[in-house]
Amino acid sequence: MFFIAAGYAKLTEPMTNLITLMGWPAVAPENMVRGLGMVELVLALGVLAPLISWRVGRPLLLTSAAGLIVLESTMLIIHALSQDIGLAVVNLILLGFTLPVLLGRRTA
């Protein structure tokens, strides 16, 4: 749900609001921020795919969870290097939620 909300916000909120809330969009092109929002939204919906059909949704879940882990890890590194500790911690917590999803569902 976090990524649905975050992706939706990046797609719909004015850049000035995103800059105020997160800071980093000030140094990123608007197209990149909007594209990241779309990626977050698609991956989040992929994690919810098993709610429709486990047979079809499980591969989507695994792919989406892996994609979110890559995204979270990348953003953790970027935020840590830019010394934005608050956002780095948020990404660390998100990794703590996403890793068990991937590891727990890969053999189910």
PDB file of N, CA and C in Angstrom:
ATOM      1  N   MET A   1       0.821  -1.189   0.000  1.00  0.00           N
ATOM      2  CA  MET A   1       0.000   0.000   0.000  1.00  0.00           C
ATOM      3  C   MET A   1       0.871   1.261   0.000  1.00  0.00           C
ATOM      4  N   PHE A   2       2.026   1.188   0.681  1.00  0.00           N
ATOM      5  CA  PHE A   2       2.920   2.340   0.725  1.00  0.00           C
ATOM      6  C   PHE A   2       3.311   2.757  -0.687  1.00  0.00           C
ATOM      7  N   PHE A   3       3.662   1.782  -1.520  1.00  0.00           N
ATOM      8  CA  PHE A   3       4.125   2.111  -2.862  1.00  0.00           C
ATOM      9  C   PHE A   3       2.993   2.582  -3.771  1.00  0.00           C
ATOM     10  N   ILE A   4       1.789   2.120  -3.529  1.00  0.00           N
ATOM     11  CA  ILE A   4       0.649   2.646  -4.290  1.00  0.00           C
ATOM     12  C   ILE A   4       0.474   4.126  -3.969  1.00  0.00           C
ATOM     13  N   ALA A   5       0.519   4.458  -2.682  1.00  0.00           N
ATOM     14  CA  ALA A   5       0.374   5.858  -2.273  1.00  0.00           C
ATOM     15  C   ALA A   5       1.532   6.705  -2.765  1.00  0.00           C
ATOM     16  N   ALA A   6       2.759   6.191  -2.632  1.00  0.00           N
ATOM     17  CA  ALA A   6       3.935   6.954  -3.054  1.00  0.00           C
ATOM     18  C   ALA A   6       3.946   7.155  -4.565  1.00  0.00           C
ATOM     19  N   GLY A   7       3.624   6.105  -5.307  1.00  0.00           N
ATOM     20  CA  GLY A   7       3.582   6.220  -6.764  1.00  0.00           C
ATOM     21  C   GLY A   7       2.501   7.176  -7.220  1.00  0.00           C
ATOM     22  N   TYR A   8       1.338   7.071  -6.606  1.00  0.00           N
ATOM     23  CA  TYR A   8       0.231   7.964  -6.952  1.00  0.00           C
ATOM     24  C   TYR A   8       0.607   9.419  -6.667  1.00  0.00           C
ATOM     25  N   ALA A   9       1.240   9.654  -5.533  1.00  0.00           N
ATOM     26  CA  ALA A   9       1.653  11.024  -5.190  1.00  0.00           C
ATOM     27  C   ALA A   9       2.657  11.562  -6.200  1.00  0.00           C
ATOM     28  N   LYS A  10       3.618  10.736  -6.584  1.00  0.00           N
ATOM     29  CA  LYS A  10       4.628  11.197  -7.556  1.00  0.00           C
ATOM     30  C   LYS A  10       4.012  11.475  -8.924  1.00  0.00           C
ATOM     31  N   LEU A  11       2.932  10.796  -9.228  1.00  0.00           N
ATOM     32  CA  LEU A  11       2.271  11.010 -10.516  1.00  0.00           C
ATOM     33  C   LEU A  11       1.326  12.206 -10.511  1.00  0.00           C
ATOM     34  N   THR A  12       0.740  12.521  -9.371  1.00  0.00           N
ATOM     35  CA  THR A  12      -0.332  13.512  -9.358  1.00  0.00           C
ATOM     36  C   THR A  12      -0.010  14.817  -8.636  1.00  0.00           C
ATOM     37  N   GLU A  13       0.896  14.794  -7.687  1.00  0.00           N
ATOM     38  CA  GLU A  13       1.192  16.002  -6.913  1.00  0.00           C
ATOM     39  C   GLU A  13       2.047  16.977  -7.720  1.00  0.00           C
ATOM     40  N   PRO A  14       1.845  18.261  -7.516  1.00  0.00           N
ATOM     41  CA  PRO A  14       2.740  19.249  -8.147  1.00  0.00           C
ATOM     42  C   PRO A  14       4.169  19.063  -7.629  1.00  0.00           C
ATOM     43  N   MET A  15       5.134  19.355  -8.462  1.00  0.00           N
ATOM     44  CA  MET A  15       6.534  19.183  -8.085  1.00  0.00           C
ATOM     45  C   MET A  15       6.888  19.982  -6.832  1.00  0.00           C
ATOM     46  N   THR A  16       6.283  21.143  -6.654  1.00  0.00           N
ATOM     47  CA  THR A  16       6.597  21.944  -5.460  1.00  0.00           C
ATOM     48  C   THR A  16       6.217  21.188  -4.184  1.00  0.00           C
ATOM     49  N   ASN A  17       5.099  20.482  -4.201  1.00  0.00           N
ATOM     50  CA  ASN A  17       4.707  19.679  -3.035  1.00  0.00           C
ATOM     51  C   ASN A  17       5.675  18.521  -2.818  1.00  0.00           C
ATOM     52  N   LEU A  18       6.068  17.862  -3.897  1.00  0.00           N
ATOM     53  CA  LEU A  18       7.001  16.738  -3.776  1.00  0.00           C
ATOM     54  C   LEU A  18       8.349  17.200  -3.243  1.00  0.00           C
ATOM     55  N   ILE A  19       8.797  18.359  -3.682  1.00  0.00           N
ATOM     56  CA  ILE A  19      10.075  18.909  -3.194  1.00  0.00           C
ATOM     57  C   ILE A  19       9.965  19.208  -1.710  1.00  0.00           C
ATOM     58  N   THR A  20       8.843  19.775  -1.291  1.00  0.00           N
ATOM     59  CA  THR A  20       8.645  20.085   0.124  1.00  0.00           C
ATOM     60  C   THR A  20       8.611  18.812   0.965  1.00  0.00           C
ATOM     61  N   LEU A  21       7.920  17.784   0.479  1.00  0.00           N
ATOM     62  CA  LEU A  21       7.768  16.546   1.233  1.00  0.00           C
ATOM     63  C   LEU A  21       9.043  15.707   1.274  1.00  0.00           C
ATOM     64  N   MET A  22       9.748  15.617   0.141  1.00  0.00           N
ATOM     65  CA  MET A  22      10.869  14.690   0.056  1.00  0.00           C
ATOM     66  C   MET A  22      12.223  15.349  -0.151  1.00  0.00           C
ATOM     67  N   GLY A  23      12.263  16.496  -0.742  1.00  0.00           N
ATOM     68  CA  GLY A  23      13.538  17.174  -0.962  1.00  0.00           C
ATOM     69  C   GLY A  23      14.238  16.765  -2.242  1.00  0.00           C
ATOM     70  N   TRP A  24      14.463  15.480  -2.441  1.00  0.00           N
ATOM     71  CA  TRP A  24      15.253  15.022  -3.583  1.00  0.00           C
ATOM     72  C   TRP A  24      14.662  15.354  -4.950  1.00  0.00           C
ATOM     73  N   PRO A  25      13.341  15.500  -5.112  1.00  0.00           N
ATOM     74  CA  PRO A  25      12.852  15.865  -6.447  1.00  0.00           C
ATOM     75  C   PRO A  25      13.380  17.226  -6.939  1.00  0.00           C
ATOM     76  N   ALA A  26      13.932  18.025  -6.048  1.00  0.00           N
ATOM     77  CA  ALA A  26      14.503  19.312  -6.459  1.00  0.00           C
ATOM     78  C   ALA A  26      15.713  19.124  -7.358  1.00  0.00           C
ATOM     79  N   VAL A  27      16.400  17.984  -7.224  1.00  0.00           N
ATOM     80  CA  VAL A  27      17.611  17.750  -8.016  1.00  0.00           C
ATOM     81  C   VAL A  27      17.394  16.698  -9.103  1.00  0.00           C
ATOM     82  N   ALA A  28      16.146  16.301  -9.305  1.00  0.00           N
ATOM     83  CA  ALA A  28      15.837  15.288 -10.319  1.00  0.00           C
ATOM     84  C   ALA A  28      14.905  15.894 -11.360  1.00  0.00           C
ATOM     85  N   PRO A  29      15.052  15.469 -12.615  1.00  0.00           N
ATOM     86  CA  PRO A  29      14.120  15.945 -13.648  1.00  0.00           C
ATOM     87  C   PRO A  29      12.696  15.470 -13.341  1.00  0.00           C
ATOM     88  N   GLU A  30      11.732  16.290 -13.690  1.00  0.00           N
ATOM     89  CA  GLU A  30      10.333  15.949 -13.418  1.00  0.00           C
ATOM     90  C   GLU A  30       9.945  14.622 -14.063  1.00  0.00           C
ATOM     91  N   ASN A  31      10.405  14.379 -15.291  1.00  0.00           N
ATOM     92  CA  ASN A  31      10.077  13.118 -15.973  1.00  0.00           C
ATOM     93  C   ASN A  31      10.584  11.907 -15.194  1.00  0.00           C
ATOM     94  N   MET A  32      11.736  12.048 -14.548  1.00  0.00           N
ATOM     95  CA  MET A  32      12.286  10.948 -13.757  1.00  0.00           C
ATOM     96  C   MET A  32      11.417  10.695 -12.520  1.00  0.00           C
ATOM     97  N   VAL A  33      10.995  11.759 -11.859  1.00  0.00           N
ATOM     98  CA  VAL A  33      10.146  11.629 -10.676  1.00  0.00           C
ATOM     99  C   VAL A  33       8.824  10.970 -11.061  1.00  0.00           C
ATOM    100  N   ARG A  34       8.217  11.425 -12.154  1.00  0.00           N
ATOM    101  CA  ARG A  34       6.940  10.850 -12.609  1.00  0.00           C
ATOM    102  C   ARG A  34       7.138   9.391 -13.047  1.00  0.00           C
ATOM    103  N   GLY A  35       8.235   9.107 -13.732  1.00  0.00           N
ATOM    104  CA  GLY A  35       8.522   7.736 -14.154  1.00  0.00           C
ATOM    105  C   GLY A  35       8.732   6.808 -12.966  1.00  0.00           C
ATOM    106  N   LEU A  36       9.416   7.297 -11.947  1.00  0.00           N
ATOM    107  CA  LEU A  36       9.612   6.510 -10.733  1.00  0.00           C
ATOM    108  C   LEU A  36       8.273   6.222 -10.058  1.00  0.00           C
ATOM    109  N   GLY A  37       7.389   7.200 -10.081  1.00  0.00           N
ATOM    110  CA  GLY A  37       6.045   6.990  -9.543  1.00  0.00           C
ATOM    111  C   GLY A  37       5.305   5.901 -10.286  1.00  0.00           C
ATOM    112  N   MET A  38       5.421   5.888 -11.592  1.00  0.00           N
ATOM    113  CA  MET A  38       4.766   4.857 -12.403  1.00  0.00           C
ATOM    114  C   MET A  38       5.349   3.481 -12.092  1.00  0.00           C
ATOM    115  N   VAL A  39       6.672   3.395 -11.974  1.00  0.00           N
ATOM    116  CA  VAL A  39       7.317   2.123 -11.642  1.00  0.00           C
ATOM    117  C   VAL A  39       6.842   1.624 -10.280  1.00  0.00           C
ATOM    118  N   GLU A  40       6.802   2.523  -9.288  1.00  0.00           N
ATOM    119  CA  GLU A  40       6.341   2.132  -7.963  1.00  0.00           C
ATOM    120  C   GLU A  40       4.905   1.623  -7.999  1.00  0.00           C
ATOM    121  N   LEU A  41       4.072   2.292  -8.732  1.00  0.00           N
ATOM    122  CA  LEU A  41       2.664   1.909  -8.826  1.00  0.00           C
ATOM    123  C   LEU A  41       2.508   0.538  -9.492  1.00  0.00           C
ATOM    124  N   VAL A  42       3.207   0.309 -10.585  1.00  0.00           N
ATOM    125  CA  VAL A  42       3.118  -0.973 -11.299  1.00  0.00           C
ATOM    126  C   VAL A  42       3.648  -2.117 -10.428  1.00  0.00           C
ATOM    127  N   LEU A  43       4.791  -1.901  -9.766  1.00  0.00           N
ATOM    128  CA  LEU A  43       5.354  -2.950  -8.909  1.00  0.00           C
ATOM    129  C   LEU A  43       4.438  -3.239  -7.726  1.00  0.00           C
ATOM    130  N   ALA A  44       3.847  -2.212  -7.149  1.00  0.00           N
ATOM    131  CA  ALA A  44       2.931  -2.411  -6.021  1.00  0.00           C
ATOM    132  C   ALA A  44       1.703  -3.207  -6.455  1.00  0.00           C
ATOM    133  N   LEU A  45       1.182  -2.911  -7.609  1.00  0.00           N
ATOM    134  CA  LEU A  45       0.028  -3.670  -8.114  1.00  0.00           C
ATOM    135  C   LEU A  45       0.419  -5.113  -8.416  1.00  0.00           C
ATOM    136  N   GLY A  46       1.653  -5.314  -8.868  1.00  0.00           N
ATOM    137  CA  GLY A  46       2.139  -6.673  -9.105  1.00  0.00           C
ATOM    138  C   GLY A  46       2.209  -7.498  -7.829  1.00  0.00           C
ATOM    139  N   VAL A  47       2.545  -6.855  -6.727  1.00  0.00           N
ATOM    140  CA  VAL A  47       2.585  -7.556  -5.441  1.00  0.00           C
ATOM    141  C   VAL A  47       1.176  -7.984  -5.023  1.00  0.00           C
ATOM    142  N   LEU A  48       0.186  -7.232  -5.437  1.00  0.00           N
ATOM    143  CA  LEU A  48      -1.204  -7.565  -5.095  1.00  0.00           C
ATOM    144  C   LEU A  48      -1.839  -8.555  -6.075  1.00  0.00           C
ATOM    145  N   ALA A  49      -1.156  -8.912  -7.141  1.00  0.00           N
ATOM    146  CA  ALA A  49      -1.719  -9.788  -8.171  1.00  0.00           C
ATOM    147  C   ALA A  49      -2.235 -11.125  -7.646  1.00  0.00           C
ATOM    148  N   PRO A  50      -1.595 -11.748  -6.649  1.00  0.00           N
ATOM    149  CA  PRO A  50      -2.133 -13.026  -6.165  1.00  0.00           C
ATOM    150  C   PRO A  50      -3.540 -12.930  -5.578  1.00  0.00           C
ATOM    151  N   LEU A  51      -3.998 -11.735  -5.265  1.00  0.00           N
ATOM    152  CA  LEU A  51      -5.364 -11.595  -4.778  1.00  0.00           C
ATOM    153  C   LEU A  51      -6.381 -11.976  -5.855  1.00  0.00           C
ATOM    154  N   ILE A  52      -5.983 -11.874  -7.099  1.00  0.00           N
ATOM    155  CA  ILE A  52      -6.861 -12.227  -8.213  1.00  0.00           C
ATOM    156  C   ILE A  52      -6.729 -13.710  -8.544  1.00  0.00           C
ATOM    157  N   SER A  53      -5.492 -14.176  -8.681  1.00  0.00           N
ATOM    158  CA  SER A  53      -5.244 -15.575  -9.021  1.00  0.00           C
ATOM    159  C   SER A  53      -3.842 -15.951  -8.566  1.00  0.00           C
ATOM    160  N   TRP A  54      -3.732 -16.960  -7.714  1.00  0.00           N
ATOM    161  CA  TRP A  54      -2.419 -17.358  -7.216  1.00  0.00           C
ATOM    162  C   TRP A  54      -1.560 -17.927  -8.342  1.00  0.00           C
ATOM    163  N   ARG A  55      -2.163 -18.717  -9.225  1.00  0.00           N
ATOM    164  CA  ARG A  55      -1.400 -19.349 -10.304  1.00  0.00           C
ATOM    165  C   ARG A  55      -0.789 -18.295 -11.216  1.00  0.00           C
ATOM    166  N   VAL A  56      -1.551 -17.307 -11.592  1.00  0.00           N
ATOM    167  CA  VAL A  56      -1.064 -16.242 -12.464  1.00  0.00           C
ATOM    168  C   VAL A  56      -0.342 -15.164 -11.649  1.00  0.00           C
ATOM    169  N   GLY A  57      -0.834 -14.899 -10.445  1.00  0.00           N
ATOM    170  CA  GLY A  57      -0.311 -13.804  -9.653  1.00  0.00           C
ATOM    171  C   GLY A  57       1.013 -14.065  -8.975  1.00  0.00           C
ATOM    172  N   ARG A  58       1.306 -15.343  -8.665  1.00  0.00           N
ATOM    173  CA  ARG A  58       2.556 -15.644  -7.959  1.00  0.00           C
ATOM    174  C   ARG A  58       3.794 -15.188  -8.725  1.00  0.00           C
ATOM    175  N   PRO A  59       3.924 -15.482 -10.024  1.00  0.00           N
ATOM    176  CA  PRO A  59       5.102 -14.972 -10.743  1.00  0.00           C
ATOM    177  C   PRO A  59       5.165 -13.441 -10.761  1.00  0.00           C
ATOM    178  N   LEU A  60       4.010 -12.799 -10.855  1.00  0.00           N
ATOM    179  CA  LEU A  60       3.987 -11.331 -10.805  1.00  0.00           C
ATOM    180  C   LEU A  60       4.428 -10.830  -9.444  1.00  0.00           C
ATOM    181  N   LEU A  61       3.978 -11.504  -8.394  1.00  0.00           N
ATOM    182  CA  LEU A  61       4.380 -11.141  -7.040  1.00  0.00           C
ATOM    183  C   LEU A  61       5.890 -11.236  -6.879  1.00  0.00           C
ATOM    184  N   LEU A  62       6.459 -12.352  -7.309  1.00  0.00           N
ATOM    185  CA  LEU A  62       7.904 -12.546  -7.156  1.00  0.00           C
ATOM    186  C   LEU A  62       8.696 -11.523  -7.968  1.00  0.00           C
ATOM    187  N   THR A  63       8.267 -11.279  -9.190  1.00  0.00           N
ATOM    188  CA  THR A  63       8.942 -10.294 -10.032  1.00  0.00           C
ATOM    189  C   THR A  63       8.826  -8.896  -9.444  1.00  0.00           C
ATOM    190  N   SER A  64       7.648  -8.558  -8.980  1.00  0.00           N
ATOM    191  CA  SER A  64       7.421  -7.226  -8.412  1.00  0.00           C
ATOM    192  C   SER A  64       8.189  -7.041  -7.110  1.00  0.00           C
ATOM    193  N   ALA A  65       8.206  -8.071  -6.267  1.00  0.00           N
ATOM    194  CA  ALA A  65       8.951  -7.976  -5.013  1.00  0.00           C
ATOM    195  C   ALA A  65      10.442  -7.801  -5.294  1.00  0.00           C
ATOM    196  N   ALA A  66      10.967  -8.537  -6.272  1.00  0.00           N
ATOM    197  CA  ALA A  66      12.378  -8.377  -6.640  1.00  0.00           C
ATOM    198  C   ALA A  66      12.640  -6.964  -7.172  1.00  0.00           C
ATOM    199  N   GLY A  67      11.727  -6.454  -7.985  1.00  0.00           N
ATOM    200  CA  GLY A  67      11.868  -5.088  -8.497  1.00  0.00           C
ATOM    201  C   GLY A  67      11.844  -4.052  -7.385  1.00  0.00           C
ATOM    202  N   LEU A  68      10.954  -4.237  -6.412  1.00  0.00           N
ATOM    203  CA  LEU A  68      10.893  -3.311  -5.281  1.00  0.00           C
ATOM    204  C   LEU A  68      12.170  -3.376  -4.444  1.00  0.00           C
ATOM    205  N   ILE A  69      12.736  -4.566  -4.292  1.00  0.00           N
ATOM    206  CA  ILE A  69      13.987  -4.702  -3.541  1.00  0.00           C
ATOM    207  C   ILE A  69      15.113  -3.955  -4.243  1.00  0.00           C
ATOM    208  N   VAL A  70      15.181  -4.074  -5.559  1.00  0.00           N
ATOM    209  CA  VAL A  70      16.195  -3.325  -6.315  1.00  0.00           C
ATOM    210  C   VAL A  70      15.978  -1.823  -6.155  1.00  0.00           C
ATOM    211  N   LEU A  71      14.735  -1.386  -6.279  1.00  0.00           N
ATOM    212  CA  LEU A  71      14.404   0.033  -6.140  1.00  0.00           C
ATOM    213  C   LEU A  71      14.739   0.533  -4.734  1.00  0.00           C
ATOM    214  N   GLU A  72      14.327  -0.199  -3.711  1.00  0.00           N
ATOM    215  CA  GLU A  72      14.582   0.203  -2.333  1.00  0.00           C
ATOM    216  C   GLU A  72      16.077   0.239  -2.027  1.00  0.00           C
ATOM    217  N   SER A  73      16.814  -0.757  -2.501  1.00  0.00           N
ATOM    218  CA  SER A  73      18.264  -0.802  -2.266  1.00  0.00           C
ATOM    219  C   SER A  73      18.962   0.370  -2.932  1.00  0.00           C
ATOM    220  N   THR A  74      18.566   0.648  -4.163  1.00  0.00           N
ATOM    221  CA  THR A  74      19.157   1.770  -4.900  1.00  0.00           C
ATOM    222  C   THR A  74      18.879   3.084  -4.186  1.00  0.00           C
ATOM    223  N   MET A  75      17.637   3.284  -3.787  1.00  0.00           N
ATOM    224  CA  MET A  75      17.284   4.537  -3.108  1.00  0.00           C
ATOM    225  C   MET A  75      17.934   4.619  -1.732  1.00  0.00           C
ATOM    226  N   LEU A  76      18.107   3.499  -1.047  1.00  0.00           N
ATOM    227  CA  LEU A  76      18.810   3.489   0.230  1.00  0.00           C
ATOM    228  C   LEU A  76      20.237   3.992   0.054  1.00  0.00           C
ATOM    229  N   ILE A  77      20.908   3.500  -0.956  1.00  0.00           N
ATOM    230  CA  ILE A  77      22.286   3.934  -1.225  1.00  0.00           C
ATOM    231  C   ILE A  77      22.325   5.416  -1.591  1.00  0.00           C
ATOM    232  N   ILE A  78      21.428   5.833  -2.479  1.00  0.00           N
ATOM    233  CA  ILE A  78      21.402   7.240  -2.900  1.00  0.00           C
ATOM    234  C   ILE A  78      21.145   8.156  -1.706  1.00  0.00           C
ATOM    235  N   HIS A  79      20.165   7.823  -0.881  1.00  0.00           N
ATOM    236  CA  HIS A  79      19.849   8.669   0.269  1.00  0.00           C
ATOM    237  C   HIS A  79      20.971   8.647   1.309  1.00  0.00           C
ATOM    238  N   ALA A  80      21.598   7.494   1.505  1.00  0.00           N
ATOM    239  CA  ALA A  80      22.707   7.413   2.464  1.00  0.00           C
ATOM    240  C   ALA A  80      23.896   8.250   1.983  1.00  0.00           C
ATOM    241  N   LEU A  81      24.202   8.172   0.686  1.00  0.00           N
ATOM    242  CA  LEU A  81      25.321   8.954   0.152  1.00  0.00           C
ATOM    243  C   LEU A  81      25.061  10.455   0.201  1.00  0.00           C
ATOM    244  N   SER A  82      23.796  10.841   0.059  1.00  0.00           N
ATOM    245  CA  SER A  82      23.460  12.259   0.132  1.00  0.00           C
ATOM    246  C   SER A  82      23.170  12.693   1.569  1.00  0.00           C
ATOM    247  N   GLN A  83      23.410  11.789   2.505  1.00  0.00           N
ATOM    248  CA  GLN A  83      23.241  12.034   3.943  1.00  0.00           C
ATOM    249  C   GLN A  83      21.818  12.437   4.318  1.00  0.00           C
ATOM    250  N   ASP A  84      20.861  11.911   3.590  1.00  0.00           N
ATOM    251  CA  ASP A  84      19.449  12.097   3.920  1.00  0.00           C
ATOM    252  C   ASP A  84      19.030  10.869   4.732  1.00  0.00           C
ATOM    253  N   ILE A  85      19.409  10.880   6.000  1.00  0.00           N
ATOM    254  CA  ILE A  85      19.275   9.701   6.852  1.00  0.00           C
ATOM    255  C   ILE A  85      17.814   9.284   7.031  1.00  0.00           C
ATOM    256  N   GLY A  86      16.905  10.229   7.133  1.00  0.00           N
ATOM    257  CA  GLY A  86      15.490   9.895   7.305  1.00  0.00           C
ATOM    258  C   GLY A  86      14.960   9.032   6.180  1.00  0.00           C
ATOM    259  N   LEU A  87      15.221   9.438   4.942  1.00  0.00           N
ATOM    260  CA  LEU A  87      14.744   8.652   3.795  1.00  0.00           C
ATOM    261  C   LEU A  87      15.522   7.350   3.655  1.00  0.00           C
ATOM    262  N   ALA A  88      16.794   7.343   4.058  1.00  0.00           N
ATOM    263  CA  ALA A  88      17.561   6.099   4.031  1.00  0.00           C
ATOM    264  C   ALA A  88      16.946   5.085   4.999  1.00  0.00           C
ATOM    265  N   VAL A  89      16.559   5.540   6.177  1.00  0.00           N
ATOM    266  CA  VAL A  89      15.941   4.652   7.162  1.00  0.00           C
ATOM    267  C   VAL A  89      14.592   4.140   6.650  1.00  0.00           C
ATOM    268  N   VAL A  90      13.819   5.004   6.006  1.00  0.00           N
ATOM    269  CA  VAL A  90      12.534   4.570   5.430  1.00  0.00           C
ATOM    270  C   VAL A  90      12.772   3.434   4.431  1.00  0.00           C
ATOM    271  N   ASN A  91      13.774   3.580   3.574  1.00  0.00           N
ATOM    272  CA  ASN A  91      14.060   2.526   2.598  1.00  0.00           C
ATOM    273  C   ASN A  91      14.569   1.260   3.268  1.00  0.00           C
ATOM    274  N   LEU A  92      15.295   1.395   4.349  1.00  0.00           N
ATOM    275  CA  LEU A  92      15.749   0.225   5.102  1.00  0.00           C
ATOM    276  C   LEU A  92      14.550  -0.519   5.701  1.00  0.00           C
ATOM    277  N   ILE A  93      13.600   0.214   6.240  1.00  0.00           N
ATOM    278  CA  ILE A  93      12.383  -0.395   6.792  1.00  0.00           C
ATOM    279  C   ILE A  93      11.577  -1.071   5.677  1.00  0.00           C
ATOM    280  N   LEU A  94      11.462  -0.407   4.529  1.00  0.00           N
ATOM    281  CA  LEU A  94      10.739  -1.002   3.403  1.00  0.00           C
ATOM    282  C   LEU A  94      11.405  -2.291   2.943  1.00  0.00           C
ATOM    283  N   LEU A  95      12.734  -2.316   2.946  1.00  0.00           N
ATOM    284  CA  LEU A  95      13.449  -3.552   2.620  1.00  0.00           C
ATOM    285  C   LEU A  95      13.094  -4.650   3.627  1.00  0.00           C
ATOM    286  N   GLY A  96      12.969  -4.264   4.892  1.00  0.00           N
ATOM    287  CA  GLY A  96      12.606  -5.224   5.936  1.00  0.00           C
ATOM    288  C   GLY A  96      11.221  -5.824   5.723  1.00  0.00           C
ATOM    289  N   PHE A  97      10.345  -5.088   5.069  1.00  0.00           N
ATOM    290  CA  PHE A  97       9.005  -5.615   4.751  1.00  0.00           C
ATOM    291  C   PHE A  97       9.009  -6.436   3.462  1.00  0.00           C
ATOM    292  N   THR A  98       9.796  -6.026   2.484  1.00  0.00           N
ATOM    293  CA  THR A  98       9.736  -6.638   1.155  1.00  0.00           C
ATOM    294  C   THR A  98      10.548  -7.927   1.054  1.00  0.00           C
ATOM    295  N   LEU A  99      11.706  -7.979   1.694  1.00  0.00           N
ATOM    296  CA  LEU A  99      12.534  -9.182   1.629  1.00  0.00           C
ATOM    297  C   LEU A  99      11.792 -10.435   2.109  1.00  0.00           C
ATOM    298  N   PRO A 100      11.092 -10.393   3.246  1.00  0.00           N
ATOM    299  CA  PRO A 100      10.357 -11.596   3.655  1.00  0.00           C
ATOM    300  C   PRO A 100       9.252 -12.000   2.668  1.00  0.00           C
ATOM    301  N   VAL A 101       8.658 -11.040   1.983  1.00  0.00           N
ATOM    302  CA  VAL A 101       7.639 -11.367   0.981  1.00  0.00           C
ATOM    303  C   VAL A 101       8.275 -12.194  -0.134  1.00  0.00           C
ATOM    304  N   LEU A 102       9.413 -11.719  -0.632  1.00  0.00           N
ATOM    305  CA  LEU A 102      10.093 -12.449  -1.713  1.00  0.00           C
ATOM    306  C   LEU A 102      10.589 -13.819  -1.228  1.00  0.00           C
ATOM    307  N   LEU A 103      11.250 -13.852  -0.094  1.00  0.00           N
ATOM    308  CA  LEU A 103      11.814 -15.097   0.394  1.00  0.00           C
ATOM    309  C   LEU A 103      10.748 -16.092   0.830  1.00  0.00           C
ATOM    310  N   GLY A 104       9.675 -15.594   1.410  1.00  0.00           N
ATOM    311  CA  GLY A 104       8.611 -16.473   1.890  1.00  0.00           C
ATOM    312  C   GLY A 104       7.719 -17.023   0.797  1.00  0.00           C
ATOM    313  N   ARG A 105       7.620 -16.351  -0.321  1.00  0.00           N
ATOM    314  CA  ARG A 105       6.710 -16.784  -1.386  1.00  0.00           C
ATOM    315  C   ARG A 105       7.415 -17.462  -2.561  1.00  0.00           C
ATOM    316  N   ARG A 106       8.722 -17.519  -2.546  1.00  0.00           N
ATOM    317  CA  ARG A 106       9.414 -18.099  -3.708  1.00  0.00           C
ATOM    318  C   ARG A 106       9.239 -19.590  -3.823  1.00  0.00           C
ATOM    319  N   THR A 107       8.972 -20.282  -2.712  1.00  0.00           N
ATOM    320  CA  THR A 107       8.816 -21.735  -2.779  1.00  0.00           C
ATOM    321  C   THR A 107       7.419 -22.204  -2.425  1.00  0.00           C
ATOM    322  N   ALA A 108       6.517 -21.277  -2.203  1.00  0.00           N
ATOM    323  CA  ALA A 108       5.162 -21.676  -1.782  1.00  0.00           C
ATOM    324  C   ALA A 108       4.359 -22.283  -2.905  1.00  0.00           C
TER     325      ALA A 108
END
